[in-house]
Amino acid sequence: MTLLKETEAIATVTFGQVYCPICTHTVEAQIVTTRKKQFVKPGQRCPRCGSLLDAAHVLGHDRAA
């Protein structure tokens, strides 16, 4: 039987709204959620301008209670 360490967080990937810093629009992207933080999945591109969304801010993330 293998137990998870506390440092190993279970990550889930869902869709949400992020802010593109280049074209200044809100676009939909995949968001990785761990216990305490949310960030954009690396390597995604903005559908409007084509820039990378690695530095984008997560604005909205729908999840059930």
Protein backbone atom coordinates (compact mmCIF):
# COMPACT_ATOMS: atom_id res chain seq x y z
CA MET A 1 0.00 0.00 0.00
CA THR A 2 1.39 3.39 -1.00
CA LEU A 3 0.52 6.54 0.87
CA LEU A 4 0.69 10.01 -0.69
CA LYS A 5 3.07 12.48 0.85
CA GLU A 6 1.69 15.84 1.93
CA THR A 7 3.85 17.60 -0.67
CA GLU A 8 2.30 15.62 -3.52
CA ALA A 9 -0.84 17.53 -4.40
CA ILE A 10 -3.53 16.10 -6.61
CA ALA A 11 -3.97 18.40 -9.61
CA THR A 12 -7.12 18.72 -11.68
CA VAL A 13 -7.38 20.33 -15.11
CA THR A 14 -10.53 22.26 -16.06
CA PHE A 15 -11.50 25.17 -18.30
CA GLY A 16 -11.81 28.74 -17.05
CA GLN A 17 -11.37 32.40 -17.94
CA VAL A 18 -7.87 33.96 -17.99
CA TYR A 19 -6.58 37.45 -18.80
CA CYS A 20 -4.18 37.67 -21.75
CA PRO A 21 -1.56 40.35 -20.95
CA ILE A 22 -0.67 40.93 -24.62
CA CYS A 23 -4.06 41.55 -26.25
CA THR A 24 -5.78 42.58 -22.97
CA HIS A 25 -8.79 40.31 -23.49
CA THR A 26 -10.39 37.59 -21.39
CA VAL A 27 -10.09 34.20 -23.11
CA GLU A 28 -10.87 30.59 -22.21
CA ALA A 29 -7.97 28.30 -21.28
CA GLN A 30 -7.18 25.12 -19.35
CA ILE A 31 -6.50 25.77 -15.66
CA VAL A 32 -4.55 23.45 -13.38
CA THR A 33 -5.88 23.50 -9.82
CA THR A 34 -3.91 22.19 -6.85
CA ARG A 35 -4.79 22.56 -3.19
CA LYS A 36 -3.92 26.23 -2.77
CA LYS A 37 -3.27 27.69 -6.20
CA GLN A 38 -4.55 27.85 -9.74
CA PHE A 39 -2.45 28.47 -12.83
CA VAL A 40 -2.70 28.18 -16.59
CA LYS A 41 -1.55 24.89 -18.07
CA PRO A 42 1.87 25.58 -19.66
CA GLY A 43 2.19 25.83 -23.44
CA GLN A 44 -1.27 27.19 -24.28
CA ARG A 45 -1.73 30.02 -26.75
CA CYS A 46 -4.24 32.86 -26.83
CA PRO A 47 -6.87 32.22 -29.53
CA ARG A 48 -7.06 35.96 -30.37
CA CYS A 49 -3.40 37.04 -30.64
CA GLY A 50 -1.40 33.78 -30.53
CA SER A 51 0.82 34.69 -27.58
CA LEU A 52 1.63 32.22 -24.81
CA LEU A 53 -0.70 32.27 -21.79
CA ASP A 54 1.95 31.10 -19.30
CA ALA A 55 1.93 34.53 -17.60
CA ALA A 56 -1.85 34.97 -17.72
CA HIS A 57 -3.91 35.63 -14.59
CA VAL A 58 -6.79 33.32 -13.72
CA LEU A 59 -10.00 35.38 -13.51
CA GLY A 60 -12.81 32.89 -13.32
CA HIS A 61 -12.96 29.22 -12.55
CA ASP A 62 -16.29 27.42 -12.21
CA ARG A 63 -16.33 24.50 -9.81
CA ALA A 64 -19.01 22.86 -7.74
CA ALA A 65 -19.10 23.17 -3.98
